[in-house]
Amino acid sequence: MRLNENALNNVYIWDMNTYANFIEINADKRFGRPCIIGTRIAVYDVLNWFASGMTLEQILEDFDELTEAQVLACLAYAADREHKIRVA
């Protein structure tokens, strides 16, 4: 459950649930929406920025408190949630 960074080519290797190191759900923050730990930036916000056409580089430039790993954790969280959705 740990993020490993290869310093030579900046490749991230994600184990299952690695996003848990970066995402928290706190009922007192953003109405319990999943947020990046230590910020009030919700996973929804990051996904919305991508959906509106922002690139990873633009997001990191506009929000200098974020790291690439945190943004990738938002994508991993969303992918995992989508994978777990049950169809009734």
PDB file of N, CA and C in Angstrom:
ATOM      1  N   MET A   1       0.807  -1.184   0.000  1.00  0.00           N
ATOM      2  CA  MET A   1       0.000   0.000   0.000  1.00  0.00           C
ATOM      3  C   MET A   1       0.855   1.255   0.000  1.00  0.00           C
ATOM      4  N   ARG A   2       1.952   1.223  -0.621  1.00  0.00           N
ATOM      5  CA  ARG A   2       2.842   2.367  -0.594  1.00  0.00           C
ATOM      6  C   ARG A   2       3.213   2.775  -2.010  1.00  0.00           C
ATOM      7  N   LEU A   3       3.357   4.056  -2.226  1.00  0.00           N
ATOM      8  CA  LEU A   3       3.749   4.597  -3.520  1.00  0.00           C
ATOM      9  C   LEU A   3       5.256   4.507  -3.654  1.00  0.00           C
ATOM     10  N   ASN A   4       5.717   3.865  -4.728  1.00  0.00           N
ATOM     11  CA  ASN A   4       7.140   3.780  -5.004  1.00  0.00           C
ATOM     12  C   ASN A   4       7.463   4.655  -6.201  1.00  0.00           C
ATOM     13  N   GLU A   5       8.452   5.522  -6.051  1.00  0.00           N
ATOM     14  CA  GLU A   5       8.811   6.415  -7.146  1.00  0.00           C
ATOM     15  C   GLU A   5      10.173   6.030  -7.681  1.00  0.00           C
ATOM     16  N   ASN A   6      10.241   5.793  -8.996  1.00  0.00           N
ATOM     17  CA  ASN A   6      11.493   5.526  -9.654  1.00  0.00           C
ATOM     18  C   ASN A   6      12.079   6.880 -10.040  1.00  0.00           C
ATOM     19  N   ALA A   7      13.132   7.302  -9.373  1.00  0.00           N
ATOM     20  CA  ALA A   7      13.680   8.646  -9.554  1.00  0.00           C
ATOM     21  C   ALA A   7      14.231   8.880 -10.958  1.00  0.00           C
ATOM     22  N   LEU A   8      14.621   7.828 -11.645  1.00  0.00           N
ATOM     23  CA  LEU A   8      15.214   8.014 -12.974  1.00  0.00           C
ATOM     24  C   LEU A   8      14.208   8.483 -14.005  1.00  0.00           C
ATOM     25  N   ASN A   9      13.024   7.904 -14.014  1.00  0.00           N
ATOM     26  CA  ASN A   9      12.059   8.300 -15.039  1.00  0.00           C
ATOM     27  C   ASN A   9      10.702   8.679 -14.468  1.00  0.00           C
ATOM     28  N   ASN A  10      10.638   8.967 -13.151  1.00  0.00           N
ATOM     29  CA  ASN A  10       9.439   9.496 -12.520  1.00  0.00           C
ATOM     30  C   ASN A  10       8.210   8.630 -12.766  1.00  0.00           C
ATOM     31  N   VAL A  11       8.363   7.328 -12.662  1.00  0.00           N
ATOM     32  CA  VAL A  11       7.265   6.388 -12.862  1.00  0.00           C
ATOM     33  C   VAL A  11       6.710   6.001 -11.498  1.00  0.00           C
ATOM     34  N   TYR A  12       5.411   6.047 -11.389  1.00  0.00           N
ATOM     35  CA  TYR A  12       4.761   5.658 -10.143  1.00  0.00           C
ATOM     36  C   TYR A  12       4.188   4.256 -10.286  1.00  0.00           C
ATOM     37  N   ILE A  13       4.420   3.424  -9.287  1.00  0.00           N
ATOM     38  CA  ILE A  13       3.873   2.080  -9.267  1.00  0.00           C
ATOM     39  C   ILE A  13       2.813   2.058  -8.178  1.00  0.00           C
ATOM     40  N   TRP A  14       1.560   1.851  -8.586  1.00  0.00           N
ATOM     41  CA  TRP A  14       0.449   1.912  -7.653  1.00  0.00           C
ATOM     42  C   TRP A  14       0.033   0.516  -7.245  1.00  0.00           C
ATOM     43  N   ASP A  15       0.083   0.252  -5.946  1.00  0.00           N
ATOM     44  CA  ASP A  15      -0.479  -0.966  -5.400  1.00  0.00           C
ATOM     45  C   ASP A  15      -1.958  -0.713  -5.159  1.00  0.00           C
ATOM     46  N   MET A  16      -2.702  -1.789  -4.979  1.00  0.00           N
ATOM     47  CA  MET A  16      -4.129  -1.642  -4.722  1.00  0.00           C
ATOM     48  C   MET A  16      -4.333  -0.792  -3.462  1.00  0.00           C
ATOM     49  N   ASN A  17      -5.200   0.175  -3.566  1.00  0.00           N
ATOM     50  CA  ASN A  17      -5.561   1.080  -2.463  1.00  0.00           C
ATOM     51  C   ASN A  17      -4.444   2.038  -2.048  1.00  0.00           C
ATOM     52  N   THR A  18      -3.467   2.262  -2.902  1.00  0.00           N
ATOM     53  CA  THR A  18      -2.427   3.239  -2.596  1.00  0.00           C
ATOM     54  C   THR A  18      -3.033   4.607  -2.366  1.00  0.00           C
ATOM     55  N   TYR A  19      -4.125   4.895  -3.048  1.00  0.00           N
ATOM     56  CA  TYR A  19      -4.753   6.207  -2.891  1.00  0.00           C
ATOM     57  C   TYR A  19      -5.134   6.488  -1.442  1.00  0.00           C
ATOM     58  N   ALA A  20      -5.291   5.460  -0.640  1.00  0.00           N
ATOM     59  CA  ALA A  20      -5.657   5.644   0.767  1.00  0.00           C
ATOM     60  C   ALA A  20      -4.593   6.439   1.528  1.00  0.00           C
ATOM     61  N   ASN A  21      -3.383   6.479   1.014  1.00  0.00           N
ATOM     62  CA  ASN A  21      -2.320   7.279   1.635  1.00  0.00           C
ATOM     63  C   ASN A  21      -2.499   8.770   1.356  1.00  0.00           C
ATOM     64  N   PHE A  22      -3.391   9.115   0.423  1.00  0.00           N
ATOM     65  CA  PHE A  22      -3.545  10.501  -0.011  1.00  0.00           C
ATOM     66  C   PHE A  22      -4.966  11.039   0.133  1.00  0.00           C
ATOM     67  N   ILE A  23      -5.955  10.162   0.251  1.00  0.00           N
ATOM     68  CA  ILE A  23      -7.360  10.570   0.264  1.00  0.00           C
ATOM     69  C   ILE A  23      -7.976  10.249   1.625  1.00  0.00           C
ATOM     70  N   GLU A  24      -8.748  11.198   2.143  1.00  0.00           N
ATOM     71  CA  GLU A  24      -9.452  10.975   3.410  1.00  0.00           C
ATOM     72  C   GLU A  24     -10.915  11.379   3.269  1.00  0.00           C
ATOM     73  N   ILE A  25     -11.743  10.764   4.079  1.00  0.00           N
ATOM     74  CA  ILE A  25     -13.144  11.154   4.159  1.00  0.00           C
ATOM     75  C   ILE A  25     -13.395  11.566   5.601  1.00  0.00           C
ATOM     76  N   ASN A  26     -13.753  12.837   5.767  1.00  0.00           N
ATOM     77  CA  ASN A  26     -13.966  13.410   7.090  1.00  0.00           C
ATOM     78  C   ASN A  26     -15.312  14.131   7.057  1.00  0.00           C
ATOM     79  N   ALA A  27     -16.219  13.710   7.913  1.00  0.00           N
ATOM     80  CA  ALA A  27     -17.563  14.286   7.925  1.00  0.00           C
ATOM     81  C   ALA A  27     -17.557  15.793   8.177  1.00  0.00           C
ATOM     82  N   ASP A  28     -16.507  16.298   8.798  1.00  0.00           N
ATOM     83  CA  ASP A  28     -16.418  17.727   9.104  1.00  0.00           C
ATOM     84  C   ASP A  28     -15.765  18.549   7.994  1.00  0.00           C
ATOM     85  N   LYS A  29     -15.384  17.911   6.927  1.00  0.00           N
ATOM     86  CA  LYS A  29     -14.708  18.609   5.836  1.00  0.00           C
ATOM     87  C   LYS A  29     -15.443  18.346   4.524  1.00  0.00           C
ATOM     88  N   ARG A  30     -15.866  19.416   3.862  1.00  0.00           N
ATOM     89  CA  ARG A  30     -16.529  19.332   2.556  1.00  0.00           C
ATOM     90  C   ARG A  30     -17.704  18.349   2.568  1.00  0.00           C
ATOM     91  N   PHE A  31     -18.466  18.362   3.642  1.00  0.00           N
ATOM     92  CA  PHE A  31     -19.675  17.548   3.792  1.00  0.00           C
ATOM     93  C   PHE A  31     -19.403  16.055   3.632  1.00  0.00           C
ATOM     94  N   GLY A  32     -18.206  15.610   4.026  1.00  0.00           N
ATOM     95  CA  GLY A  32     -17.871  14.196   3.979  1.00  0.00           C
ATOM     96  C   GLY A  32     -17.422  13.696   2.623  1.00  0.00           C
ATOM     97  N   ARG A  33     -17.185  14.612   1.704  1.00  0.00           N
ATOM     98  CA  ARG A  33     -16.670  14.186   0.388  1.00  0.00           C
ATOM     99  C   ARG A  33     -15.209  13.769   0.536  1.00  0.00           C
ATOM    100  N   PRO A  34     -14.764  12.812  -0.267  1.00  0.00           N
ATOM    101  CA  PRO A  34     -13.345  12.433  -0.206  1.00  0.00           C
ATOM    102  C   PRO A  34     -12.467  13.598  -0.647  1.00  0.00           C
ATOM    103  N   CYS A  35     -11.462  13.907   0.170  1.00  0.00           N
ATOM    104  CA  CYS A  35     -10.555  15.031  -0.087  1.00  0.00           C
ATOM    105  C   CYS A  35      -9.108  14.573   0.007  1.00  0.00           C
ATOM    106  N   ILE A  36      -8.238  15.356  -0.593  1.00  0.00           N
ATOM    107  CA  ILE A  36      -6.811  15.110  -0.476  1.00  0.00           C
ATOM    108  C   ILE A  36      -6.398  15.477   0.948  1.00  0.00           C
ATOM    109  N   ILE A  37      -5.694  14.581   1.601  1.00  0.00           N
ATOM    110  CA  ILE A  37      -5.286  14.781   2.989  1.00  0.00           C
ATOM    111  C   ILE A  37      -4.508  16.088   3.128  1.00  0.00           C
ATOM    112  N   GLY A  38      -4.874  16.860   4.148  1.00  0.00           N
ATOM    113  CA  GLY A  38      -4.188  18.114   4.425  1.00  0.00           C
ATOM    114  C   GLY A  38      -4.690  19.295   3.617  1.00  0.00           C
ATOM    115  N   THR A  39      -5.721  19.065   2.787  1.00  0.00           N
ATOM    116  CA  THR A  39      -6.297  20.149   1.993  1.00  0.00           C
ATOM    117  C   THR A  39      -7.811  20.089   2.097  1.00  0.00           C
ATOM    118  N   ARG A  40      -8.470  21.055   1.500  1.00  0.00           N
ATOM    119  CA  ARG A  40      -9.919  21.008   1.359  1.00  0.00           C
ATOM    120  C   ARG A  40     -10.282  20.742  -0.099  1.00  0.00           C
ATOM    121  N   ILE A  41      -9.330  20.232  -0.869  1.00  0.00           N
ATOM    122  CA  ILE A  41      -9.558  19.927  -2.280  1.00  0.00           C
ATOM    123  C   ILE A  41     -10.153  18.526  -2.383  1.00  0.00           C
ATOM    124  N   ALA A  42     -11.375  18.466  -2.925  1.00  0.00           N
ATOM    125  CA  ALA A  42     -12.084  17.194  -3.048  1.00  0.00           C
ATOM    126  C   ALA A  42     -11.640  16.457  -4.306  1.00  0.00           C
ATOM    127  N   VAL A  43     -11.767  15.144  -4.256  1.00  0.00           N
ATOM    128  CA  VAL A  43     -11.506  14.320  -5.438  1.00  0.00           C
ATOM    129  C   VAL A  43     -12.369  14.825  -6.592  1.00  0.00           C
ATOM    130  N   TYR A  44     -13.599  15.181  -6.288  1.00  0.00           N
ATOM    131  CA  TYR A  44     -14.510  15.715  -7.298  1.00  0.00           C
ATOM    132  C   TYR A  44     -13.904  16.923  -8.003  1.00  0.00           C
ATOM    133  N   ASP A  45     -13.272  17.809  -7.256  1.00  0.00           N
ATOM    134  CA  ASP A  45     -12.666  19.005  -7.842  1.00  0.00           C
ATOM    135  C   ASP A  45     -11.616  18.620  -8.881  1.00  0.00           C
ATOM    136  N   VAL A  46     -10.741  17.702  -8.512  1.00  0.00           N
ATOM    137  CA  VAL A  46      -9.669  17.275  -9.417  1.00  0.00           C
ATOM    138  C   VAL A  46     -10.256  16.631 -10.675  1.00  0.00           C
ATOM    139  N   LEU A  47     -11.235  15.766 -10.492  1.00  0.00           N
ATOM    140  CA  LEU A  47     -11.863  15.115 -11.651  1.00  0.00           C
ATOM    141  C   LEU A  47     -12.543  16.147 -12.549  1.00  0.00           C
ATOM    142  N   ASN A  48     -13.164  17.140 -11.934  1.00  0.00           N
ATOM    143  CA  ASN A  48     -13.827  18.192 -12.695  1.00  0.00           C
ATOM    144  C   ASN A  48     -12.820  19.021 -13.489  1.00  0.00           C
ATOM    145  N   TRP A  49     -11.658  19.273 -12.902  1.00  0.00           N
ATOM    146  CA  TRP A  49     -10.629  20.019 -13.629  1.00  0.00           C
ATOM    147  C   TRP A  49     -10.178  19.247 -14.868  1.00  0.00           C
ATOM    148  N   PHE A  50      -9.983  17.949 -14.713  1.00  0.00           N
ATOM    149  CA  PHE A  50      -9.610  17.125 -15.870  1.00  0.00           C
ATOM    150  C   PHE A  50     -10.734  17.130 -16.914  1.00  0.00           C
ATOM    151  N   ALA A  51     -11.965  16.991 -16.444  1.00  0.00           N
ATOM    152  CA  ALA A  51     -13.111  16.953 -17.359  1.00  0.00           C
ATOM    153  C   ALA A  51     -13.273  18.266 -18.118  1.00  0.00           C
ATOM    154  N   SER A  52     -12.848  19.372 -17.507  1.00  0.00           N
ATOM    155  CA  SER A  52     -12.972  20.659 -18.182  1.00  0.00           C
ATOM    156  C   SER A  52     -11.799  20.928 -19.128  1.00  0.00           C
ATOM    157  N   GLY A  53     -10.878  19.984 -19.214  1.00  0.00           N
ATOM    158  CA  GLY A  53      -9.796  20.105 -20.181  1.00  0.00           C
ATOM    159  C   GLY A  53      -8.444  20.479 -19.627  1.00  0.00           C
ATOM    160  N   MET A  54      -8.340  20.653 -18.314  1.00  0.00           N
ATOM    161  CA  MET A  54      -7.037  20.976 -17.738  1.00  0.00           C
ATOM    162  C   MET A  54      -6.113  19.769 -17.829  1.00  0.00           C
ATOM    163  N   THR A  55      -4.842  20.028 -18.020  1.00  0.00           N
ATOM    164  CA  THR A  55      -3.851  18.961 -18.022  1.00  0.00           C
ATOM    165  C   THR A  55      -3.277  18.816 -16.616  1.00  0.00           C
ATOM    166  N   LEU A  56      -2.574  17.738 -16.396  1.00  0.00           N
ATOM    167  CA  LEU A  56      -1.920  17.526 -15.111  1.00  0.00           C
ATOM    168  C   LEU A  56      -0.980  18.686 -14.808  1.00  0.00           C
ATOM    169  N   GLU A  57      -0.228  19.104 -15.800  1.00  0.00           N
ATOM    170  CA  GLU A  57       0.714  20.202 -15.616  1.00  0.00           C
ATOM    171  C   GLU A  57      -0.005  21.495 -15.219  1.00  0.00           C
ATOM    172  N   GLN A  58      -1.147  21.780 -15.837  1.00  0.00           N
ATOM    173  CA  GLN A  58      -1.906  22.987 -15.506  1.00  0.00           C
ATOM    174  C   GLN A  58      -2.444  22.927 -14.077  1.00  0.00           C
ATOM    175  N   ILE A  59      -2.923  21.763 -13.680  1.00  0.00           N
ATOM    176  CA  ILE A  59      -3.440  21.598 -12.317  1.00  0.00           C
ATOM    177  C   ILE A  59      -2.317  21.841 -11.310  1.00  0.00           C
ATOM    178  N   LEU A  60      -1.163  21.235 -11.556  1.00  0.00           N
ATOM    179  CA  LEU A  60      -0.037  21.394 -10.634  1.00  0.00           C
ATOM    180  C   LEU A  60       0.476  22.833 -10.608  1.00  0.00           C
ATOM    181  N   GLU A  61       0.386  23.511 -11.734  1.00  0.00           N
ATOM    182  CA  GLU A  61       0.818  24.911 -11.791  1.00  0.00           C
ATOM    183  C   GLU A  61      -0.160  25.814 -11.036  1.00  0.00           C
ATOM    184  N   ASP A  62      -1.458  25.568 -11.206  1.00  0.00           N
ATOM    185  CA  ASP A  62      -2.476  26.403 -10.556  1.00  0.00           C
ATOM    186  C   ASP A  62      -2.604  26.125  -9.058  1.00  0.00           C
ATOM    187  N   PHE A  63      -2.333  24.898  -8.656  1.00  0.00           N
ATOM    188  CA  PHE A  63      -2.487  24.501  -7.255  1.00  0.00           C
ATOM    189  C   PHE A  63      -1.147  23.956  -6.779  1.00  0.00           C
ATOM    190  N   ASP A  64      -0.239  24.869  -6.449  1.00  0.00           N
ATOM    191  CA  ASP A  64       1.126  24.465  -6.118  1.00  0.00           C
ATOM    192  C   ASP A  64       1.233  23.662  -4.823  1.00  0.00           C
ATOM    193  N   GLU A  65       0.146  23.600  -4.045  1.00  0.00           N
ATOM    194  CA  GLU A  65       0.170  22.766  -2.839  1.00  0.00           C
ATOM    195  C   GLU A  65      -0.032  21.290  -3.164  1.00  0.00           C
ATOM    196  N   LEU A  66      -0.443  20.983  -4.393  1.00  0.00           N
ATOM    197  CA  LEU A  66      -0.664  19.599  -4.806  1.00  0.00           C
ATOM    198  C   LEU A  66       0.585  19.002  -5.431  1.00  0.00           C
ATOM    199  N   THR A  67       0.706  17.690  -5.266  1.00  0.00           N
ATOM    200  CA  THR A  67       1.781  16.957  -5.924  1.00  0.00           C
ATOM    201  C   THR A  67       1.173  16.059  -7.001  1.00  0.00           C
ATOM    202  N   GLU A  68       2.015  15.594  -7.886  1.00  0.00           N
ATOM    203  CA  GLU A  68       1.553  14.684  -8.928  1.00  0.00           C
ATOM    204  C   GLU A  68       0.946  13.425  -8.307  1.00  0.00           C
ATOM    205  N   ALA A  69       1.561  12.921  -7.258  1.00  0.00           N
ATOM    206  CA  ALA A  69       1.059  11.718  -6.593  1.00  0.00           C
ATOM    207  C   ALA A  69      -0.347  11.928  -6.044  1.00  0.00           C
ATOM    208  N   GLN A  70      -0.619  13.109  -5.488  1.00  0.00           N
ATOM    209  CA  GLN A  70      -1.955  13.389  -4.951  1.00  0.00           C
ATOM    210  C   GLN A  70      -2.998  13.420  -6.064  1.00  0.00           C
ATOM    211  N   VAL A  71      -2.656  14.034  -7.178  1.00  0.00           N
ATOM    212  CA  VAL A  71      -3.594  14.095  -8.305  1.00  0.00           C
ATOM    213  C   VAL A  71      -3.842  12.694  -8.858  1.00  0.00           C
ATOM    214  N   LEU A  72      -2.784  11.903  -8.990  1.00  0.00           N
ATOM    215  CA  LEU A  72      -2.951  10.530  -9.467  1.00  0.00           C
ATOM    216  C   LEU A  72      -3.764   9.690  -8.486  1.00  0.00           C
ATOM    217  N   ALA A  73      -3.631   9.996  -7.196  1.00  0.00           N
ATOM    218  CA  ALA A  73      -4.425   9.289  -6.191  1.00  0.00           C
ATOM    219  C   ALA A  73      -5.914   9.561  -6.388  1.00  0.00           C
ATOM    220  N   CYS A  74      -6.270  10.777  -6.791  1.00  0.00           N
ATOM    221  CA  CYS A  74      -7.674  11.098  -7.075  1.00  0.00           C
ATOM    222  C   CYS A  74      -8.190  10.251  -8.228  1.00  0.00           C
ATOM    223  N   LEU A  75      -7.384  10.098  -9.262  1.00  0.00           N
ATOM    224  CA  LEU A  75      -7.797   9.255 -10.393  1.00  0.00           C
ATOM    225  C   LEU A  75      -7.915   7.803  -9.969  1.00  0.00           C
ATOM    226  N   ALA A  76      -6.973   7.332  -9.168  1.00  0.00           N
ATOM    227  CA  ALA A  76      -7.024   5.949  -8.695  1.00  0.00           C
ATOM    228  C   ALA A  76      -8.254   5.710  -7.828  1.00  0.00           C
ATOM    229  N   TYR A  77      -8.581   6.688  -6.970  1.00  0.00           N
ATOM    230  CA  TYR A  77      -9.771   6.579  -6.118  1.00  0.00           C
ATOM    231  C   TYR A  77     -11.033   6.472  -6.981  1.00  0.00           C
ATOM    232  N   ALA A  78     -11.133   7.350  -7.979  1.00  0.00           N
ATOM    233  CA  ALA A  78     -12.313   7.338  -8.851  1.00  0.00           C
ATOM    234  C   ALA A  78     -12.408   6.029  -9.638  1.00  0.00           C
ATOM    235  N   ALA A  79     -11.278   5.544 -10.120  1.00  0.00           N
ATOM    236  CA  ALA A  79     -11.277   4.288 -10.866  1.00  0.00           C
ATOM    237  C   ALA A  79     -11.696   3.129  -9.971  1.00  0.00           C
ATOM    238  N   ASP A  80     -11.210   3.122  -8.734  1.00  0.00           N
ATOM    239  CA  ASP A  80     -11.565   2.053  -7.807  1.00  0.00           C
ATOM    240  C   ASP A  80     -13.045   2.104  -7.461  1.00  0.00           C
ATOM    241  N   ARG A  81     -13.579   3.286  -7.258  1.00  0.00           N
ATOM    242  CA  ARG A  81     -15.025   3.424  -6.975  1.00  0.00           C
ATOM    243  C   ARG A  81     -15.865   2.948  -8.145  1.00  0.00           C
ATOM    244  N   GLU A  82     -15.448   3.325  -9.342  1.00  0.00           N
ATOM    245  CA  GLU A  82     -16.167   2.899 -10.539  1.00  0.00           C
ATOM    246  C   GLU A  82     -16.139   1.380 -10.671  1.00  0.00           C
ATOM    247  N   HIS A  83     -15.019   0.804 -10.334  1.00  0.00           N
ATOM    248  CA  HIS A  83     -14.864  -0.659 -10.406  1.00  0.00           C
ATOM    249  C   HIS A  83     -15.786  -1.367  -9.402  1.00  0.00           C
ATOM    250  N   LYS A  84     -16.034  -0.726  -8.268  1.00  0.00           N
ATOM    251  CA  LYS A  84     -16.822  -1.346  -7.200  1.00  0.00           C
ATOM    252  C   LYS A  84     -18.323  -1.085  -7.314  1.00  0.00           C
ATOM    253  N   ILE A  85     -18.746  -0.244  -8.256  1.00  0.00           N
ATOM    254  CA  ILE A  85     -20.167   0.058  -8.392  1.00  0.00           C
ATOM    255  C   ILE A  85     -20.921  -1.197  -8.820  1.00  0.00           C
ATOM    256  N   ARG A  86     -22.001  -1.463  -8.124  1.00  0.00           N
ATOM    257  CA  ARG A  86     -22.828  -2.623  -8.450  1.00  0.00           C
ATOM    258  C   ARG A  86     -24.029  -2.166  -9.253  1.00  0.00           C
ATOM    259  N   VAL A  87     -24.354  -2.939 -10.249  1.00  0.00           N
ATOM    260  CA  VAL A  87     -25.530  -2.640 -11.072  1.00  0.00           C
ATOM    261  C   VAL A  87     -26.708  -3.421 -10.526  1.00  0.00           C
ATOM    262  N   ALA A  88     -27.796  -2.713 -10.277  1.00  0.00           N
ATOM    263  CA  ALA A  88     -28.979  -3.386  -9.710  1.00  0.00           C
ATOM    264  C   ALA A  88     -29.884  -3.892 -10.808  1.00  0.00           C
TER     265      ALA A  88
END
